[in-house]
Amino acid sequence: MIFFDIDGTLIDHASASADASLAFYDQFAGQVPFAREQFPTIWDTILMKHFERFCRGELSAWGQRRERMREVFCAPELSDAECDVRYRAFVAEYEPRTRAFPDAKPCLESLLPHRLGIISNGVRDQQIGKLKRAGLLSHFSVMVFSEDAGFGKPDSRIFMKACEQARENPRNCVHVGDSIDADVLGSRSLGMHGVFLDRSRSIQASTLTISTLSELSSVLRAIPLDSL
């Protein structure tokens, strides 16, 4: 079984988020206490801070979204309802901008008839929506999301849940993702084969590394598996 991460691996989240954050900033001109040119970086930092809390089980999906809004606006007094309205304004800008990386669909098609799956720290409906809009959803027979599991990568339990759903021994499973900690080390802690996707070719890693998904097929041939 070959599992994939979504954001940064199959879907270009970073570009969509950066562009959407600027459109969001313009909607709330004068209310966000940061310079516009710095906002995409600030937005991403705040997003990851609270998203990681969600992945650790400290906040619900909506809880981390609300904390993000309060910090972005430097307004701890914002009510849940006010935070939700602002979050939905961002999502309205973000979701139409999400696109698959050009190498994603050709990679998935080249792996047929292998069984493919998803292990994602994202929220189920949002992540499935990304895959559906990108035309990738039909490739996956198993999908596990941190929202449903109650814990996220790199916790080995989410990888175990995915292997259990696939009815596969972890030693016969591969997980491909763009985070060494969350995807590679997390999956390897369970005995899976982690493949690091380093699109920027900027990180020296002592693990199986590819810079594009077009390289995945050749890497898989070098992995000793009883079955895929």
C-alpha atoms as a PDB file:
ATOM      1  CA  MET A   1       0.000   0.000   0.000  1.00  0.00           C
ATOM      2  CA  ILE A   2       1.351   3.416  -0.936  1.00  0.00           C
ATOM      3  CA  PHE A   3       0.108   6.318   1.181  1.00  0.00           C
ATOM      4  CA  PHE A   4       0.441  10.014   0.374  1.00  0.00           C
ATOM      5  CA  ASP A   5       0.322  13.250   2.311  1.00  0.00           C
ATOM      6  CA  ILE A   6      -1.802  15.948   0.639  1.00  0.00           C
ATOM      7  CA  ASP A   7      -0.603  19.521   1.255  1.00  0.00           C
ATOM      8  CA  GLY A   8       2.846  20.154  -0.180  1.00  0.00           C
ATOM      9  CA  THR A   9       2.894  16.677  -1.699  1.00  0.00           C
ATOM     10  CA  LEU A  10      -0.095  16.349  -4.038  1.00  0.00           C
ATOM     11  CA  ILE A  11      -1.669  19.804  -3.635  1.00  0.00           C
ATOM     12  CA  ASP A  12       0.154  23.144  -3.783  1.00  0.00           C
ATOM     13  CA  HIS A  13      -1.137  24.481  -0.482  1.00  0.00           C
ATOM     14  CA  ALA A  14       1.616  27.079   0.007  1.00  0.00           C
ATOM     15  CA  SER A  15       0.879  29.076  -3.159  1.00  0.00           C
ATOM     16  CA  ALA A  16      -2.878  28.955  -2.577  1.00  0.00           C
ATOM     17  CA  SER A  17      -2.526  30.009   1.050  1.00  0.00           C
ATOM     18  CA  ALA A  18      -0.157  32.891   0.277  1.00  0.00           C
ATOM     19  CA  ASP A  19      -2.387  34.307  -2.481  1.00  0.00           C
ATOM     20  CA  ALA A  20      -5.546  33.806  -0.425  1.00  0.00           C
ATOM     21  CA  SER A  21      -4.003  35.477   2.615  1.00  0.00           C
ATOM     22  CA  LEU A  22      -3.405  38.666   0.611  1.00  0.00           C
ATOM     23  CA  ALA A  23      -6.987  38.668  -0.694  1.00  0.00           C
ATOM     24  CA  PHE A  24      -8.156  38.105   2.887  1.00  0.00           C
ATOM     25  CA  TYR A  25      -5.935  40.958   4.094  1.00  0.00           C
ATOM     26  CA  ASP A  26      -7.502  43.294   1.536  1.00  0.00           C
ATOM     27  CA  GLN A  27     -11.011  42.341   2.693  1.00  0.00           C
ATOM     28  CA  PHE A  28     -10.129  43.466   6.213  1.00  0.00           C
ATOM     29  CA  ALA A  29      -7.990  46.447   5.279  1.00  0.00           C
ATOM     30  CA  GLY A  30      -7.111  48.489   8.339  1.00  0.00           C
ATOM     31  CA  GLN A  31      -8.097  45.751  10.782  1.00  0.00           C
ATOM     32  CA  VAL A  32      -5.047  43.500  10.455  1.00  0.00           C
ATOM     33  CA  PRO A  33      -2.137  45.087  12.373  1.00  0.00           C
ATOM     34  CA  PHE A  34       0.626  43.852  10.056  1.00  0.00           C
ATOM     35  CA  ALA A  35       2.210  45.155   6.861  1.00  0.00           C
ATOM     36  CA  ARG A  36       0.667  43.663   3.722  1.00  0.00           C
ATOM     37  CA  GLU A  37       3.977  42.555   2.223  1.00  0.00           C
ATOM     38  CA  GLN A  38       4.793  40.594   5.370  1.00  0.00           C
ATOM     39  CA  PHE A  39       1.353  39.122   5.861  1.00  0.00           C
ATOM     40  CA  PRO A  40       1.672  35.820   3.925  1.00  0.00           C
ATOM     41  CA  THR A  41       4.643  34.833   6.098  1.00  0.00           C
ATOM     42  CA  ILE A  42       2.931  35.991   9.299  1.00  0.00           C
ATOM     43  CA  TRP A  43      -0.259  34.196   8.296  1.00  0.00           C
ATOM     44  CA  ASP A  44       1.599  30.936   7.670  1.00  0.00           C
ATOM     45  CA  THR A  45       3.456  31.152  10.990  1.00  0.00           C
ATOM     46  CA  ILE A  46       0.230  31.700  12.929  1.00  0.00           C
ATOM     47  CA  LEU A  47      -1.576  29.005  10.940  1.00  0.00           C
ATOM     48  CA  MET A  48       1.091  26.387  11.684  1.00  0.00           C
ATOM     49  CA  LYS A  49       1.308  27.345  15.365  1.00  0.00           C
ATOM     50  CA  HIS A  50      -2.346  26.545  16.008  1.00  0.00           C
ATOM     51  CA  PHE A  51      -2.625  23.754  13.448  1.00  0.00           C
ATOM     52  CA  GLU A  52       0.125  21.863  15.263  1.00  0.00           C
ATOM     53  CA  ARG A  53      -1.899  22.228  18.468  1.00  0.00           C
ATOM     54  CA  PHE A  54      -4.833  20.657  16.619  1.00  0.00           C
ATOM     55  CA  CYS A  55      -2.601  17.795  15.440  1.00  0.00           C
ATOM     56  CA  ARG A  56      -1.535  17.166  19.042  1.00  0.00           C
ATOM     57  CA  GLY A  57      -5.172  16.983  20.096  1.00  0.00           C
ATOM     58  CA  GLU A  58      -5.039  20.208  22.122  1.00  0.00           C
ATOM     59  CA  LEU A  59      -7.661  22.024  20.018  1.00  0.00           C
ATOM     60  CA  SER A  60     -10.581  21.010  17.835  1.00  0.00           C
ATOM     61  CA  ALA A  61     -10.566  21.867  14.142  1.00  0.00           C
ATOM     62  CA  TRP A  62     -12.734  24.927  14.766  1.00  0.00           C
ATOM     63  CA  GLY A  63     -10.853  25.751  17.940  1.00  0.00           C
ATOM     64  CA  GLN A  64      -7.571  26.137  16.094  1.00  0.00           C
ATOM     65  CA  ARG A  65      -9.249  28.202  13.380  1.00  0.00           C
ATOM     66  CA  ARG A  66     -10.672  30.595  15.977  1.00  0.00           C
ATOM     67  CA  GLU A  67      -7.365  30.954  17.794  1.00  0.00           C
ATOM     68  CA  ARG A  68      -5.750  31.721  14.458  1.00  0.00           C
ATOM     69  CA  MET A  69      -8.224  34.528  13.787  1.00  0.00           C
ATOM     70  CA  ARG A  70      -7.763  36.035  17.253  1.00  0.00           C
ATOM     71  CA  GLU A  71      -4.009  36.143  16.809  1.00  0.00           C
ATOM     72  CA  VAL A  72      -4.108  37.416  13.222  1.00  0.00           C
ATOM     73  CA  PHE A  73      -6.275  40.354  14.299  1.00  0.00           C
ATOM     74  CA  CYS A  74      -4.544  40.700  17.696  1.00  0.00           C
ATOM     75  CA  ALA A  75      -8.037  40.586  19.140  1.00  0.00           C
ATOM     76  CA  PRO A  76      -8.446  37.974  21.892  1.00  0.00           C
ATOM     77  CA  GLU A  77     -11.914  39.344  22.577  1.00  0.00           C
ATOM     78  CA  LEU A  78     -13.324  38.133  19.240  1.00  0.00           C
ATOM     79  CA  SER A  79     -16.294  35.825  19.784  1.00  0.00           C
ATOM     80  CA  ASP A  80     -16.424  32.370  18.259  1.00  0.00           C
ATOM     81  CA  ALA A  81     -19.073  33.588  15.818  1.00  0.00           C
ATOM     82  CA  GLU A  82     -16.931  36.526  14.688  1.00  0.00           C
ATOM     83  CA  CYS A  83     -13.921  34.234  14.250  1.00  0.00           C
ATOM     84  CA  ASP A  84     -15.982  31.795  12.200  1.00  0.00           C
ATOM     85  CA  VAL A  85     -17.167  34.525   9.829  1.00  0.00           C
ATOM     86  CA  ARG A  86     -13.581  35.640   9.250  1.00  0.00           C
ATOM     87  CA  TYR A  87     -12.306  32.117   8.798  1.00  0.00           C
ATOM     88  CA  ARG A  88     -14.976  31.420   6.174  1.00  0.00           C
ATOM     89  CA  ALA A  89     -13.925  34.591   4.367  1.00  0.00           C
ATOM     90  CA  PHE A  90     -10.410  33.182   4.098  1.00  0.00           C
ATOM     91  CA  VAL A  91     -11.614  29.754   2.966  1.00  0.00           C
ATOM     92  CA  ALA A  92     -13.707  31.378   0.228  1.00  0.00           C
ATOM     93  CA  GLU A  93     -10.445  32.789  -1.147  1.00  0.00           C
ATOM     94  CA  TYR A  94      -8.311  29.718  -0.447  1.00  0.00           C
ATOM     95  CA  GLU A  95     -10.297  26.773  -1.755  1.00  0.00           C
ATOM     96  CA  PRO A  96     -10.703  27.944  -5.383  1.00  0.00           C
ATOM     97  CA  ARG A  97      -6.942  28.550  -5.522  1.00  0.00           C
ATOM     98  CA  THR A  98      -5.864  25.024  -4.528  1.00  0.00           C
ATOM     99  CA  ARG A  99      -4.312  23.104  -7.408  1.00  0.00           C
ATOM    100  CA  ALA A 100      -2.571  19.775  -7.807  1.00  0.00           C
ATOM    101  CA  PHE A 101       1.126  19.893  -8.525  1.00  0.00           C
ATOM    102  CA  PRO A 102       1.728  19.058 -12.218  1.00  0.00           C
ATOM    103  CA  ASP A 103       3.466  15.797 -11.313  1.00  0.00           C
ATOM    104  CA  ALA A 104       0.691  14.510  -9.017  1.00  0.00           C
ATOM    105  CA  LYS A 105      -1.803  12.985 -11.438  1.00  0.00           C
ATOM    106  CA  PRO A 106       0.811  11.397 -13.750  1.00  0.00           C
ATOM    107  CA  CYS A 107       2.466   9.835 -10.688  1.00  0.00           C
ATOM    108  CA  LEU A 108      -0.761   8.342  -9.369  1.00  0.00           C
ATOM    109  CA  GLU A 109      -1.700   7.001 -12.792  1.00  0.00           C
ATOM    110  CA  SER A 110       1.749   5.422 -13.193  1.00  0.00           C
ATOM    111  CA  LEU A 111       1.328   3.519  -9.930  1.00  0.00           C
ATOM    112  CA  LEU A 112      -1.765   1.604 -11.033  1.00  0.00           C
ATOM    113  CA  PRO A 113      -2.674  -1.130 -10.166  1.00  0.00           C
ATOM    114  CA  HIS A 114      -0.996  -0.561  -6.764  1.00  0.00           C
ATOM    115  CA  ARG A 115      -3.354   0.327  -3.920  1.00  0.00           C
ATOM    116  CA  LEU A 116      -3.087   3.978  -2.912  1.00  0.00           C
ATOM    117  CA  GLY A 117      -4.121   5.808   0.237  1.00  0.00           C
ATOM    118  CA  ILE A 118      -4.078   9.147   2.041  1.00  0.00           C
ATOM    119  CA  ILE A 119      -2.792  10.025   5.521  1.00  0.00           C
ATOM    120  CA  SER A 120      -3.457  13.699   6.193  1.00  0.00           C
ATOM    121  CA  ASN A 121      -3.406  16.034   9.155  1.00  0.00           C
ATOM    122  CA  GLY A 122      -6.099  18.118   7.570  1.00  0.00           C
ATOM    123  CA  VAL A 123      -9.845  18.269   8.102  1.00  0.00           C
ATOM    124  CA  ARG A 124     -11.671  15.556   6.148  1.00  0.00           C
ATOM    125  CA  ASP A 125     -14.203  17.623   4.162  1.00  0.00           C
ATOM    126  CA  GLN A 126     -11.691  20.293   3.206  1.00  0.00           C
ATOM    127  CA  GLN A 127      -9.016  17.800   2.172  1.00  0.00           C
ATOM    128  CA  ILE A 128     -11.397  15.622   0.193  1.00  0.00           C
ATOM    129  CA  GLY A 129     -12.614  18.768  -1.547  1.00  0.00           C
ATOM    130  CA  LYS A 130      -9.071  19.581  -2.654  1.00  0.00           C
ATOM    131  CA  LEU A 131      -8.553  16.104  -4.081  1.00  0.00           C
ATOM    132  CA  LYS A 132     -11.923  16.147  -5.811  1.00  0.00           C
ATOM    133  CA  ARG A 133     -11.373  19.536  -7.464  1.00  0.00           C
ATOM    134  CA  ALA A 134      -7.924  18.382  -8.601  1.00  0.00           C
ATOM    135  CA  GLY A 135      -9.321  15.186 -10.139  1.00  0.00           C
ATOM    136  CA  LEU A 136      -7.287  12.943  -7.823  1.00  0.00           C
ATOM    137  CA  LEU A 137      -9.882  11.568  -5.402  1.00  0.00           C
ATOM    138  CA  SER A 138     -10.748   8.404  -7.322  1.00  0.00           C
ATOM    139  CA  HIS A 139      -7.202   7.064  -6.999  1.00  0.00           C
ATOM    140  CA  PHE A 140      -7.466   6.426  -3.246  1.00  0.00           C
ATOM    141  CA  SER A 141      -9.142   3.481  -1.538  1.00  0.00           C
ATOM    142  CA  VAL A 142      -8.122   4.346   2.052  1.00  0.00           C
ATOM    143  CA  MET A 143      -8.131   7.836   3.573  1.00  0.00           C
ATOM    144  CA  VAL A 144      -7.288   8.683   7.170  1.00  0.00           C
ATOM    145  CA  PHE A 145      -7.511  12.221   8.560  1.00  0.00           C
ATOM    146  CA  SER A 146      -6.336  13.557  11.899  1.00  0.00           C
ATOM    147  CA  GLU A 147      -9.764  15.097  12.490  1.00  0.00           C
ATOM    148  CA  ASP A 148     -11.268  11.608  12.600  1.00  0.00           C
ATOM    149  CA  ALA A 149      -8.381   9.846  14.312  1.00  0.00           C
ATOM    150  CA  GLY A 150      -8.077  12.336  17.175  1.00  0.00           C
ATOM    151  CA  PHE A 151      -4.330  12.679  16.647  1.00  0.00           C
ATOM    152  CA  GLY A 152      -2.102  13.629  13.752  1.00  0.00           C
ATOM    153  CA  LYS A 153       1.255  12.958  12.208  1.00  0.00           C
ATOM    154  CA  PRO A 154       3.922  12.291  13.447  1.00  0.00           C
ATOM    155  CA  ASP A 155       1.972  10.270  16.044  1.00  0.00           C
ATOM    156  CA  SER A 156       2.466   6.625  15.047  1.00  0.00           C
ATOM    157  CA  ARG A 157      -1.182   5.883  15.888  1.00  0.00           C
ATOM    158  CA  ILE A 158      -2.487   7.645  12.784  1.00  0.00           C
ATOM    159  CA  PHE A 159      -0.182   5.540  10.621  1.00  0.00           C
ATOM    160  CA  MET A 160      -1.318   2.406  12.427  1.00  0.00           C
ATOM    161  CA  LYS A 161      -4.951   3.356  11.836  1.00  0.00           C
ATOM    162  CA  ALA A 162      -4.236   3.717   8.122  1.00  0.00           C
ATOM    163  CA  CYS A 163      -2.475   0.348   7.922  1.00  0.00           C
ATOM    164  CA  GLU A 164      -5.320  -1.291   9.810  1.00  0.00           C
ATOM    165  CA  GLN A 165      -7.882   0.153   7.413  1.00  0.00           C
ATOM    166  CA  ALA A 166      -5.781  -1.060   4.495  1.00  0.00           C
ATOM    167  CA  ARG A 167      -5.365  -4.462   6.194  1.00  0.00           C
ATOM    168  CA  GLU A 168      -1.640  -4.300   5.556  1.00  0.00           C
ATOM    169  CA  ASN A 169       1.437  -4.865   7.684  1.00  0.00           C
ATOM    170  CA  PRO A 170       3.243  -1.521   8.142  1.00  0.00           C
ATOM    171  CA  ARG A 171       6.401  -3.140   6.736  1.00  0.00           C
ATOM    172  CA  ASN A 172       4.573  -3.503   3.429  1.00  0.00           C
ATOM    173  CA  CYS A 173       3.459   0.133   3.332  1.00  0.00           C
ATOM    174  CA  VAL A 174       5.105   3.292   2.007  1.00  0.00           C
ATOM    175  CA  HIS A 175       4.253   6.848   3.014  1.00  0.00           C
ATOM    176  CA  VAL A 176       5.255   9.790   0.801  1.00  0.00           C
ATOM    177  CA  GLY A 177       5.280  13.324   2.169  1.00  0.00           C
ATOM    178  CA  ASP A 178       7.041  16.664   2.277  1.00  0.00           C
ATOM    179  CA  SER A 179       7.818  16.760   6.020  1.00  0.00           C
ATOM    180  CA  ILE A 180      10.726  14.813   7.446  1.00  0.00           C
ATOM    181  CA  ASP A 181       9.290  14.930  10.968  1.00  0.00           C
ATOM    182  CA  ALA A 182       5.595  14.391  10.292  1.00  0.00           C
ATOM    183  CA  ASP A 183       5.725  12.130   7.261  1.00  0.00           C
ATOM    184  CA  VAL A 184       9.057  10.328   7.166  1.00  0.00           C
ATOM    185  CA  LEU A 185      10.050   9.899  10.804  1.00  0.00           C
ATOM    186  CA  GLY A 186       6.437   9.449  11.841  1.00  0.00           C
ATOM    187  CA  SER A 187       5.805   6.621   9.386  1.00  0.00           C
ATOM    188  CA  ARG A 188       9.176   5.005  10.010  1.00  0.00           C
ATOM    189  CA  SER A 189       8.475   4.890  13.752  1.00  0.00           C
ATOM    190  CA  LEU A 190       5.817   2.300  12.928  1.00  0.00           C
ATOM    191  CA  GLY A 191       8.018   0.355  10.534  1.00  0.00           C
ATOM    192  CA  MET A 192       6.672   1.848   7.315  1.00  0.00           C
ATOM    193  CA  HIS A 193       8.948   3.012   4.516  1.00  0.00           C
ATOM    194  CA  GLY A 194       9.012   6.818   4.511  1.00  0.00           C
ATOM    195  CA  VAL A 195       9.853   8.702   1.316  1.00  0.00           C
ATOM    196  CA  PHE A 196      10.732  12.388   1.654  1.00  0.00           C
ATOM    197  CA  LEU A 197       9.556  14.710  -1.127  1.00  0.00           C
ATOM    198  CA  ASP A 198      11.912  17.707  -1.133  1.00  0.00           C
ATOM    199  CA  ARG A 199      10.606  19.855  -3.978  1.00  0.00           C
ATOM    200  CA  SER A 200      13.008  22.697  -3.182  1.00  0.00           C
ATOM    201  CA  ARG A 201      16.026  20.362  -2.985  1.00  0.00           C
ATOM    202  CA  SER A 202      17.104  22.319   0.064  1.00  0.00           C
ATOM    203  CA  ILE A 203      17.393  19.709   2.813  1.00  0.00           C
ATOM    204  CA  GLN A 204      20.119  17.141   3.341  1.00  0.00           C
ATOM    205  CA  ALA A 205      18.300  14.054   4.614  1.00  0.00           C
ATOM    206  CA  SER A 206      19.593  10.605   5.462  1.00  0.00           C
ATOM    207  CA  THR A 207      16.457   8.951   4.103  1.00  0.00           C
ATOM    208  CA  LEU A 208      14.896   8.071   0.775  1.00  0.00           C
ATOM    209  CA  THR A 209      14.470  11.428  -0.940  1.00  0.00           C
ATOM    210  CA  ILE A 210      12.895  12.538  -4.200  1.00  0.00           C
ATOM    211  CA  SER A 211      12.530  16.048  -5.603  1.00  0.00           C
ATOM    212  CA  THR A 212       9.534  15.297  -7.804  1.00  0.00           C
ATOM    213  CA  LEU A 213       6.809  12.663  -7.777  1.00  0.00           C
ATOM    214  CA  SER A 214       7.984  11.508 -11.189  1.00  0.00           C
ATOM    215  CA  GLU A 215      10.935   9.908  -9.381  1.00  0.00           C
ATOM    216  CA  LEU A 216       8.755   7.827  -7.069  1.00  0.00           C
ATOM    217  CA  SER A 217       8.347   4.739  -9.269  1.00  0.00           C
ATOM    218  CA  SER A 218      12.085   4.162  -9.504  1.00  0.00           C
ATOM    219  CA  VAL A 219      12.507   4.645  -5.746  1.00  0.00           C
ATOM    220  CA  LEU A 220       9.756   2.130  -5.010  1.00  0.00           C
ATOM    221  CA  ARG A 221      11.596  -0.531  -6.977  1.00  0.00           C
ATOM    222  CA  ALA A 222      14.475  -0.260  -4.498  1.00  0.00           C
ATOM    223  CA  ILE A 223      12.281  -0.784  -1.416  1.00  0.00           C
ATOM    224  CA  PRO A 224      12.203  -4.388  -0.132  1.00  0.00           C
ATOM    225  CA  LEU A 225       8.495  -5.114   0.241  1.00  0.00           C
ATOM    226  CA  ASP A 226       6.639  -8.395   0.397  1.00  0.00           C
ATOM    227  CA  SER A 227       3.828  -6.758  -1.528  1.00  0.00           C
ATOM    228  CA  LEU A 228       2.529  -3.403  -2.717  1.00  0.00           C
END
